[in-house]
Amino acid sequence: MTDPIRTEAVSLRFDDFVQHRLDRLLRYATALTCDPHLAQDVVQEVLLRAQPRWDRIATLRSPDAYVRRMVTNEYLSWRRRRAARQVATTHEALDALSSPEPDHATRYAERDAMRARIATLPRKQRSALVLRYYENLTDAEIAEALGCGEGTVRSHISRALSRLRGAESARVGLNDSVKGALA
């Protein structure tokens, strides 16, 4: 009987995995941490722990998902709590990690504002949002990555979106009152 998690495919060498997926792991970690330097530390820690176990990891159905979960877990347990609230990510930092898609200037401003609001979310809510909207994972995949139930994932996402909507409506209300005062 074969293990359903294992695959008969030729296992991927660690060096090849890192060469082909490092950019994506760094962009994912940067989106989670909102700090490219902390993201590099998180990814480096994960790869250092993955290398000696690579023979086992490479035979899994999805080594990518396994390593991404390792990145998520490392981020969630990261001891530098102070860094979690600092938004140091610039578009140039993300662009330097991997080539971006063409974007308009107004979208940059919107992304900066959204990134700043996302950075204020609790870690689990932020992780759930990034996995859903950045990595396009399902509730089941997010639950597996975060080590919780699907209902908890939906709760994290719902609360995070509600908090973001509240922050957006407060920002819009403030802009409207400033415009009214200037008129």
C-alpha atoms as a PDB file:
ATOM      1  CA  MET A   1       0.000   0.000   0.000  1.00  0.00           C
ATOM      2  CA  THR A   2       1.388   3.401  -0.958  1.00  0.00           C
ATOM      3  CA  ASP A   3       1.187   6.534   1.101  1.00  0.00           C
ATOM      4  CA  PRO A   4      -1.273   8.965  -0.618  1.00  0.00           C
ATOM      5  CA  ILE A   5       0.884  11.925   0.347  1.00  0.00           C
ATOM      6  CA  ARG A   6       3.931  10.456  -1.366  1.00  0.00           C
ATOM      7  CA  THR A   7       4.366  10.448  -5.114  1.00  0.00           C
ATOM      8  CA  GLU A   8       6.217   8.246  -7.565  1.00  0.00           C
ATOM      9  CA  ALA A   9       7.560  11.278  -9.402  1.00  0.00           C
ATOM     10  CA  VAL A  10      11.279  11.854  -9.506  1.00  0.00           C
ATOM     11  CA  SER A  11      12.173  13.821  -6.407  1.00  0.00           C
ATOM     12  CA  LEU A  12      13.374  17.369  -6.864  1.00  0.00           C
ATOM     13  CA  ARG A  13      16.885  18.274  -5.725  1.00  0.00           C
ATOM     14  CA  PHE A  14      17.042  20.868  -2.959  1.00  0.00           C
ATOM     15  CA  ASP A  15      19.270  23.189  -5.004  1.00  0.00           C
ATOM     16  CA  ASP A  16      16.846  23.045  -7.941  1.00  0.00           C
ATOM     17  CA  PHE A  17      13.889  23.726  -5.648  1.00  0.00           C
ATOM     18  CA  VAL A  18      15.568  26.770  -4.127  1.00  0.00           C
ATOM     19  CA  GLN A  19      16.706  28.046  -7.523  1.00  0.00           C
ATOM     20  CA  HIS A  20      13.193  27.850  -9.011  1.00  0.00           C
ATOM     21  CA  ARG A  21      11.118  28.869  -5.981  1.00  0.00           C
ATOM     22  CA  LEU A  22      13.205  31.260  -3.875  1.00  0.00           C
ATOM     23  CA  ASP A  23      11.720  34.386  -5.500  1.00  0.00           C
ATOM     24  CA  ARG A  24       8.185  33.183  -4.857  1.00  0.00           C
ATOM     25  CA  LEU A  25       8.960  32.220  -1.255  1.00  0.00           C
ATOM     26  CA  LEU A  26      10.546  35.628  -0.635  1.00  0.00           C
ATOM     27  CA  ARG A  27       7.575  37.476  -2.139  1.00  0.00           C
ATOM     28  CA  TYR A  28       5.172  35.382  -0.037  1.00  0.00           C
ATOM     29  CA  ALA A  29       7.180  35.983   3.145  1.00  0.00           C
ATOM     30  CA  THR A  30       7.460  39.695   2.334  1.00  0.00           C
ATOM     31  CA  ALA A  31       3.683  39.915   1.914  1.00  0.00           C
ATOM     32  CA  LEU A  32       3.250  38.175   5.291  1.00  0.00           C
ATOM     33  CA  THR A  33       5.809  40.147   7.258  1.00  0.00           C
ATOM     34  CA  CYS A  34       5.539  43.524   5.492  1.00  0.00           C
ATOM     35  CA  ASP A  35       9.314  43.724   5.866  1.00  0.00           C
ATOM     36  CA  PRO A  36      11.696  42.390   3.197  1.00  0.00           C
ATOM     37  CA  HIS A  37      14.546  41.935   5.675  1.00  0.00           C
ATOM     38  CA  LEU A  38      12.437  39.960   8.123  1.00  0.00           C
ATOM     39  CA  ALA A  39      11.072  37.971   5.165  1.00  0.00           C
ATOM     40  CA  GLN A  40      14.613  37.024   4.146  1.00  0.00           C
ATOM     41  CA  ASP A  41      15.326  35.914   7.717  1.00  0.00           C
ATOM     42  CA  VAL A  42      12.161  33.811   7.837  1.00  0.00           C
ATOM     43  CA  VAL A  43      12.846  32.154   4.470  1.00  0.00           C
ATOM     44  CA  GLN A  44      16.486  31.553   5.387  1.00  0.00           C
ATOM     45  CA  GLU A  45      15.475  29.864   8.668  1.00  0.00           C
ATOM     46  CA  VAL A  46      12.949  27.682   6.836  1.00  0.00           C
ATOM     47  CA  LEU A  47      15.398  26.635   4.122  1.00  0.00           C
ATOM     48  CA  LEU A  48      18.046  25.843   6.721  1.00  0.00           C
ATOM     49  CA  ARG A  49      15.576  23.554   8.496  1.00  0.00           C
ATOM     50  CA  ALA A  50      14.292  22.048   5.233  1.00  0.00           C
ATOM     51  CA  GLN A  51      17.673  21.129   3.739  1.00  0.00           C
ATOM     52  CA  PRO A  52      18.578  18.251   6.081  1.00  0.00           C
ATOM     53  CA  ARG A  53      15.033  16.866   5.707  1.00  0.00           C
ATOM     54  CA  TRP A  54      14.878  17.378   1.950  1.00  0.00           C
ATOM     55  CA  ASP A  55      14.920  13.688   1.024  1.00  0.00           C
ATOM     56  CA  ARG A  56      11.606  13.270   2.855  1.00  0.00           C
ATOM     57  CA  ILE A  57      10.113  16.643   1.814  1.00  0.00           C
ATOM     58  CA  ALA A  58      10.918  16.119  -1.888  1.00  0.00           C
ATOM     59  CA  THR A  59       8.825  12.939  -1.991  1.00  0.00           C
ATOM     60  CA  LEU A  60       5.686  14.683  -0.731  1.00  0.00           C
ATOM     61  CA  ARG A  61       2.879  15.369  -3.164  1.00  0.00           C
ATOM     62  CA  SER A  62       3.538  19.101  -2.939  1.00  0.00           C
ATOM     63  CA  PRO A  63       6.916  20.142  -1.548  1.00  0.00           C
ATOM     64  CA  ASP A  64       5.945  23.728  -2.437  1.00  0.00           C
ATOM     65  CA  ALA A  65       2.937  23.680  -0.117  1.00  0.00           C
ATOM     66  CA  TYR A  66       4.968  22.041   2.642  1.00  0.00           C
ATOM     67  CA  VAL A  67       7.709  24.672   2.488  1.00  0.00           C
ATOM     68  CA  ARG A  68       5.103  27.467   2.254  1.00  0.00           C
ATOM     69  CA  ARG A  69       3.510  26.088   5.440  1.00  0.00           C
ATOM     70  CA  MET A  70       6.947  26.078   7.057  1.00  0.00           C
ATOM     71  CA  VAL A  71       7.282  29.769   6.103  1.00  0.00           C
ATOM     72  CA  THR A  72       3.835  30.504   7.543  1.00  0.00           C
ATOM     73  CA  ASN A  73       4.630  28.678  10.785  1.00  0.00           C
ATOM     74  CA  GLU A  74       7.986  30.414  11.109  1.00  0.00           C
ATOM     75  CA  TYR A  75       6.308  33.784  10.587  1.00  0.00           C
ATOM     76  CA  LEU A  76       3.602  33.009  13.151  1.00  0.00           C
ATOM     77  CA  SER A  77       6.175  31.980  15.748  1.00  0.00           C
ATOM     78  CA  TRP A  78       8.681  34.696  14.976  1.00  0.00           C
ATOM     79  CA  ARG A  79       9.980  36.250  18.168  1.00  0.00           C
ATOM     80  CA  ARG A  80      10.493  39.764  16.867  1.00  0.00           C
ATOM     81  CA  ARG A  81       6.993  40.994  17.677  1.00  0.00           C
ATOM     82  CA  ARG A  82       8.079  44.612  17.284  1.00  0.00           C
ATOM     83  CA  ALA A  83       8.793  44.028  13.589  1.00  0.00           C
ATOM     84  CA  ALA A  84       5.244  42.771  12.995  1.00  0.00           C
ATOM     85  CA  ARG A  85       3.795  46.284  13.285  1.00  0.00           C
ATOM     86  CA  GLN A  86       6.334  48.108  11.161  1.00  0.00           C
ATOM     87  CA  VAL A  87       5.444  48.540   7.517  1.00  0.00           C
ATOM     88  CA  ALA A  88       8.804  48.771   5.788  1.00  0.00           C
ATOM     89  CA  THR A  89       7.887  47.180   2.481  1.00  0.00           C
ATOM     90  CA  THR A  90       8.230  49.400  -0.536  1.00  0.00           C
ATOM     91  CA  HIS A  91       7.233  48.559  -4.051  1.00  0.00           C
ATOM     92  CA  GLU A  92      10.876  48.681  -5.032  1.00  0.00           C
ATOM     93  CA  ALA A  93      11.672  45.976  -2.455  1.00  0.00           C
ATOM     94  CA  LEU A  94       8.944  43.689  -3.799  1.00  0.00           C
ATOM     95  CA  ASP A  95       9.917  44.464  -7.395  1.00  0.00           C
ATOM     96  CA  ALA A  96      13.578  43.642  -6.677  1.00  0.00           C
ATOM     97  CA  LEU A  97      12.586  40.143  -5.536  1.00  0.00           C
ATOM     98  CA  SER A  98      10.696  39.296  -8.709  1.00  0.00           C
ATOM     99  CA  SER A  99       9.611  41.153 -11.812  1.00  0.00           C
ATOM    100  CA  PRO A 100       6.263  42.884 -11.267  1.00  0.00           C
ATOM    101  CA  GLU A 101       3.289  43.097 -13.544  1.00  0.00           C
ATOM    102  CA  PRO A 102       2.616  46.529 -15.087  1.00  0.00           C
ATOM    103  CA  ASP A 103       0.731  48.746 -12.651  1.00  0.00           C
ATOM    104  CA  HIS A 104      -0.647  52.288 -12.568  1.00  0.00           C
ATOM    105  CA  ALA A 105       0.507  54.892 -10.053  1.00  0.00           C
ATOM    106  CA  THR A 106      -2.883  55.103  -8.359  1.00  0.00           C
ATOM    107  CA  ARG A 107      -2.847  51.372  -7.744  1.00  0.00           C
ATOM    108  CA  TYR A 108       0.511  51.773  -5.980  1.00  0.00           C
ATOM    109  CA  ALA A 109      -1.011  54.286  -3.584  1.00  0.00           C
ATOM    110  CA  GLU A 110      -3.993  52.007  -2.969  1.00  0.00           C
ATOM    111  CA  ARG A 111      -1.715  49.016  -2.397  1.00  0.00           C
ATOM    112  CA  ASP A 112       0.434  51.000   0.061  1.00  0.00           C
ATOM    113  CA  ALA A 113      -2.618  52.095   2.006  1.00  0.00           C
ATOM    114  CA  MET A 114      -4.015  48.551   2.029  1.00  0.00           C
ATOM    115  CA  ARG A 115      -0.664  47.058   3.038  1.00  0.00           C
ATOM    116  CA  ALA A 116      -0.481  49.491   5.957  1.00  0.00           C
ATOM    117  CA  ARG A 117      -3.996  48.495   7.075  1.00  0.00           C
ATOM    118  CA  ILE A 118      -3.208  44.777   6.672  1.00  0.00           C
ATOM    119  CA  ALA A 119      -0.073  45.215   8.782  1.00  0.00           C
ATOM    120  CA  THR A 120      -2.269  46.241  11.739  1.00  0.00           C
ATOM    121  CA  LEU A 121      -4.194  42.948  11.675  1.00  0.00           C
ATOM    122  CA  PRO A 122      -3.411  40.159  14.136  1.00  0.00           C
ATOM    123  CA  ARG A 123      -0.971  37.573  12.742  1.00  0.00           C
ATOM    124  CA  LYS A 124      -3.479  34.753  12.156  1.00  0.00           C
ATOM    125  CA  GLN A 125      -5.924  37.069  10.376  1.00  0.00           C
ATOM    126  CA  ARG A 126      -3.139  38.514   8.255  1.00  0.00           C
ATOM    127  CA  SER A 127      -1.882  35.030   7.399  1.00  0.00           C
ATOM    128  CA  ALA A 128      -5.364  33.857   6.427  1.00  0.00           C
ATOM    129  CA  LEU A 129      -5.880  36.900   4.153  1.00  0.00           C
ATOM    130  CA  VAL A 130      -2.498  36.518   2.475  1.00  0.00           C
ATOM    131  CA  LEU A 131      -3.066  32.811   1.879  1.00  0.00           C
ATOM    132  CA  ARG A 132      -6.555  33.455   0.463  1.00  0.00           C
ATOM    133  CA  TYR A 133      -5.963  36.514  -1.695  1.00  0.00           C
ATOM    134  CA  TYR A 134      -2.232  36.364  -2.424  1.00  0.00           C
ATOM    135  CA  GLU A 135      -1.741  32.602  -2.739  1.00  0.00           C
ATOM    136  CA  ASN A 136      -5.341  31.829  -3.885  1.00  0.00           C
ATOM    137  CA  LEU A 137      -5.743  28.901  -1.490  1.00  0.00           C
ATOM    138  CA  THR A 138      -9.052  27.328  -0.482  1.00  0.00           C
ATOM    139  CA  ASP A 139     -10.380  27.255   3.087  1.00  0.00           C
ATOM    140  CA  ALA A 140      -9.181  23.660   3.457  1.00  0.00           C
ATOM    141  CA  GLU A 141      -5.677  24.510   2.241  1.00  0.00           C
ATOM    142  CA  ILE A 142      -5.502  27.561   4.513  1.00  0.00           C
ATOM    143  CA  ALA A 143      -6.732  25.497   7.463  1.00  0.00           C
ATOM    144  CA  GLU A 144      -4.001  22.964   6.785  1.00  0.00           C
ATOM    145  CA  ALA A 145      -1.353  25.691   6.498  1.00  0.00           C
ATOM    146  CA  LEU A 146      -2.440  27.407   9.718  1.00  0.00           C
ATOM    147  CA  GLY A 147      -3.182  24.206  11.625  1.00  0.00           C
ATOM    148  CA  CYS A 148      -6.800  25.074  12.422  1.00  0.00           C
ATOM    149  CA  GLY A 149     -10.303  24.240  11.229  1.00  0.00           C
ATOM    150  CA  GLU A 150     -12.001  25.583   8.107  1.00  0.00           C
ATOM    151  CA  GLY A 151     -14.561  27.427  10.253  1.00  0.00           C
ATOM    152  CA  THR A 152     -11.741  29.166  12.071  1.00  0.00           C
ATOM    153  CA  VAL A 153     -10.238  30.177   8.723  1.00  0.00           C
ATOM    154  CA  ARG A 154     -13.543  31.686   7.617  1.00  0.00           C
ATOM    155  CA  SER A 155     -13.795  33.469  10.971  1.00  0.00           C
ATOM    156  CA  HIS A 156     -10.267  34.898  10.638  1.00  0.00           C
ATOM    157  CA  ILE A 157     -10.974  36.109   7.109  1.00  0.00           C
ATOM    158  CA  SER A 158     -14.379  37.547   8.026  1.00  0.00           C
ATOM    159  CA  ARG A 159     -13.013  39.432  11.024  1.00  0.00           C
ATOM    160  CA  ALA A 160     -10.027  40.691   9.061  1.00  0.00           C
ATOM    161  CA  LEU A 161     -12.192  41.930   6.183  1.00  0.00           C
ATOM    162  CA  SER A 162     -14.605  43.563   8.623  1.00  0.00           C
ATOM    163  CA  ARG A 163     -11.731  45.343  10.338  1.00  0.00           C
ATOM    164  CA  LEU A 164     -10.295  46.460   6.985  1.00  0.00           C
ATOM    165  CA  ARG A 165     -13.699  47.740   5.853  1.00  0.00           C
ATOM    166  CA  GLY A 166     -14.037  49.683   9.106  1.00  0.00           C
ATOM    167  CA  ALA A 167     -10.595  51.218   8.619  1.00  0.00           C
ATOM    168  CA  GLU A 168     -11.456  52.118   5.012  1.00  0.00           C
ATOM    169  CA  SER A 169     -14.786  53.724   5.929  1.00  0.00           C
ATOM    170  CA  ALA A 170     -13.073  55.696   8.719  1.00  0.00           C
ATOM    171  CA  ARG A 171     -10.444  56.871   6.225  1.00  0.00           C
ATOM    172  CA  VAL A 172     -13.087  57.860   3.662  1.00  0.00           C
ATOM    173  CA  GLY A 173     -15.126  59.629   6.350  1.00  0.00           C
ATOM    174  CA  LEU A 174     -12.048  61.569   7.434  1.00  0.00           C
ATOM    175  CA  ASN A 175     -11.327  62.577   3.829  1.00  0.00           C
ATOM    176  CA  ASP A 176     -14.941  63.732   3.370  1.00  0.00           C
ATOM    177  CA  SER A 177     -14.836  65.858   6.549  1.00  0.00           C
ATOM    178  CA  VAL A 178     -11.538  67.436   5.461  1.00  0.00           C
ATOM    179  CA  LYS A 179     -12.993  68.210   2.023  1.00  0.00           C
ATOM    180  CA  GLY A 180     -16.091  69.724   3.699  1.00  0.00           C
ATOM    181  CA  ALA A 181     -13.951  71.893   5.959  1.00  0.00           C
ATOM    182  CA  LEU A 182     -11.980  73.166   2.970  1.00  0.00           C
ATOM    183  CA  ALA A 183     -15.105  74.041   0.949  1.00  0.00           C
END
